[in-house]
């Protein structure tokens, strides 16, 4: 048997969008039912003159209506793609009359076929959130003076986290006292809590508490017997403490379902002798102080299933794996109360007094060293919230607001209704009363709208390319509500943890303040039902099937020795690398129990697309993974010669392809649609013709062009799932982000110094890096107080040159080529009532006999650098109650952008640069066969960045271009043998030399290098350079979107200085270092203009304008002080520093007498 072989054919990459789709499906099939049953309540109304009304919500028969419009219609008309949630409701009068109706609770956004959502026509995506899992965590910390280390002591604590994220801390201080912390700054003795629970505390030695309290049955948990205080003569001394406990302690400890029909204060009847059970009476003073109130039932500490599982696992229950079924159901409230309020509770999911005693027992063992401290950064202590759970939380909030609104009787009179009745007529109004009067159906819809628009985890979908579209949906964030913040997150939280191995990518994370807080799922990782991350592992057993594997969590993984995925079986006694209990060690093969199933399962999708990843520094690999998501779709696409094999999977699931739904034959193909003909049933002659519409020239969120191209030909047979149309970033179903270009690592006249890139003009003339950009321009037409705005072609005071592309309605024609300044939409806005006619207008009206125009021209024009071809212009109508009916006109302009100086290009290994010069192809250095280079990169950027993988890629790409081959190289091929990558590249170069008879392809004295010739002189360059075919990308950072110039523009109202930024037409901003630069060059006049006339010298600015208009010379000295100098003088005067401006002649003090 061979010592090793690859196992990639046993396991395929799972569905990369499964985490999003499964979470949303779980919300539809389980979450909605759970929330509706949670709020299945009866609402009573006692309306004057109508009588008593009772409303029943039948949550069992809820339904989701089919969306009325498709995704394309919603996107074009700026609507939300969703379905209405409806439930049957019964309205019953006290006299027996009933009305049955199905009401719409709200509109729930539906996930589209690409794993995103369409909100107001804008694609959005919801990323996963990583939070601390509910359960209990033991920790310790040092207390005391940090300078006196000998006197410092340890304080031990147990933190309990609920399902909703609230927490409770039980702490044992160095003196041995137990404290209960609530809301971080409030603490109470644990003896007080046990007294409230009905226990008798005689001995102060707390270590004796545990044997006496474990197993004690106390049926009445919420209504205490108060034996502790009965022995005290003065009960009034404890009332402030009792009040504080009732308000703050129970408010945080006991959290449960919403109950509105219980009022314990009413049940006690404020009678000292009244009692709900045998025992000491309930005192009226305690009721008045808030001891017995509704919050005792409403708010209990809810753990949930995952929290109960983690609690029992940590506290040492023997069968905690089956704790959901086998745990005893103890009574937590009095039986009489259960009958009165009909509580449907699951005691397993709540934190009870027995749990508190067990926690205290474990905490006491922890102080003596019998318990271990929890690692809060371990993945077993983390929980991943999917989009379904986040939407379920939002549905819970919306339903709570809706039920509260429907139950509010006092506000019912103020609500808008179709017909108003006086109070003596309301008896007749029962017949006009509808269920919609109580359920407006806006709370749930508005809640989801707020969630998708303003929630930090709901993001503007990244549609730059297919990889960005896919990677965003596999992203996880520790930020957001209930999570961390960028300012307070420590380096320990951001660092890589051993439990993340195979579950979270160690490479792909943003740069900057979000580093380590936002991460990506590994390519094979999955999210379980309860939010834990799982990775596939295969058991090693002679009886085990080679294709059998299972997904395990990080907690289960700690029990076994696990080897890496490069070996399936080796000889006995062989030492192999393995991991055990978060440690990476080496051990014998016989001790290994599990093995990874795939060599690439540790990295994310973007990181898996980097060939020769093991030869790159982690920081540069991070940049390469992030920059692949910024690659622009090019006009002509090309597959990478050197890849990793993940291109098929990413292209297949990127959502940009068009695939066949069933085996069929292509019956018709053009640029707009593909008709396929498939059989309805085997053996039948009739067939089903399906028309597949292609998306052509659609604008994405990042203004890139989404365009699908047919991949099949007429009469071709395709199977189900095969590609019939390519997307903007795929070729034959494979991901294609850039171009294979001929590069050389050699300097050239300093134009590729640092990170500059020298390119050939062939990149421009052959449209190698030409991309399409679609700019959206919008104008709103509404009804004002002075009258409606008009859209017309007849715009006064405008030349025909600017109106030549408008149709009779005043909208630009589709297909027109527009230049800067051309009118796209002609709009006239009525003037307000306060407008006065000028004398000039009255004179013109008297001369020509025309009435004065009362409309102002507010047309939509083509902005600077906005020239292009109009590809779409359409209306969108929208009703708005505050502004009346609003019409919006959207115009899309297509631009073709070639690569130019200032554009950013990059490779897949973090090698990025800016185009510094475009050289004629005859002046570019060329190979010995006369082929000119396409790009010249700096050789100094490789050793310092430690991303040598780009050299392997370009050399192997050169061999592949000569041999006509494409390579799929799995990372970490060094496990096969030493220097496997180098041997592969050199062997392919030798084969290419043999095939082409070019000796310079493989020269023995300089392996991988070749001598280049100067295109200008024909001389051979002094040193050989590395030459190859590299896969280079054009990034979304284009110079056309960043270059900016300003002659005049707006000024700030407060500081009177030019605004900042390109979008605001801002000006130059001179700081301290910029002033030093101008001083160093001796540009005194330029520096003076920057600080005075071009800044905030208001009087000098006006005089300068008149000077330029009149043609007089510009004054060399300022005529007045700038506003910043005036502000400085006033601040000094506020500090009682007398300052004055002395106007003297220049150099008068040193002039000779």
Foldseek 3Di string as FASTA:
>chain_A
DDFFDFQDVLDDFDQLLCQLVVLQVCLVPPLQLVLLVLPQDKFWFQDFLAGIKIKGWDSVPKDWDDFPDDLVVCLVQQAWAWTWIKTKMWIAHPVGDIDIDIDTQATDFDQDPQSWTQHRNFTWHFAKAKAFAFAKFKDKDWDDDPVPVVPIDIKIKIWGAAPVGAIKIWIQGPVGFIWIDFPNPDIDGVVVVVLQQADEDDDPNCVVVQVVPAPDADQAGLHYQNPNCVVPPDNVVCLVVLLCCLVTVLQRAAADRDADPDFVLVVQVQDLPRDPDPHHGDHSSCVVSNNDGDSNHHGHGFHPPRHLLNHCVQLPDPVSVPCVPPPDQGRNHHVVVCVVRVDPDGSSGTDHPNSVSSVVVVRVCVVVPNHDGDDSLALSRMFMDHPSNVLSVLQSVLVVVLVVQLNDNVCLQVDDDPDDDDSVCVNVVVVVDDPCSRNVSVSSHVSVSCCCPPFPSIGRQQVQDLVSNSFNHQKYFQDGPSGDDLVPDDVVQLQDALQCFLFWARFAWDPDSRRSRMTGTFSRWHADPGGFIWHKKAFDDPPGDSSDIDTDGSVVQQVFWEFESRRNDRDFQDWGWTDHNSDIDIDTPVRHTIYHSRNRSRHHLLLQFFPQSVQFDSNLLNLLSVQLSQFHQAPDWDAAQETAPSQLVSLLSSPLFDWAAAWWWWADDDQFWTWTWADPDPPDDHIDIDIGGWDDQDQHPLQFGWGKAADDDHGDIDGGSATGIGISQDDRSGGTRFDWFKEWADDDPCQQPDQAKEFACCLFPVRRGKGKGKDKDKDKWFADPQGGKAWALPDPPDDVVQSVQADGRQAGDAFDWDDFFRFHIWIWAFDDPPDDDDPVQVVVCVVVVDDRDRIDTDTDTQHPPRTAGWHDWDKHWDADPVGGIMIMIMIMGMDIDGDDFQFKKAASRNRIHTHRYHHYQLQAWDAPVRHGGGMYHHPVVDPVSSRCSQLLSFLQQQLCVLVVHGHNHGYPPCVVDHPPSVVVSQVSLVVSCVSVVDCQSADPVDGQWGWIAGSVPRHTDDDTIHIGTGGMGGGPPGVSVPDADADDFDADPPQRFFDDDRVRNGDDDDDDVNLVVCVVVVVVQVSQCVQACNTAPVVLVVVQVVCVVVVHDRDSDDPDDGPVVVVVQVVCVVVVHDDDDDDDDPCPVVDDD
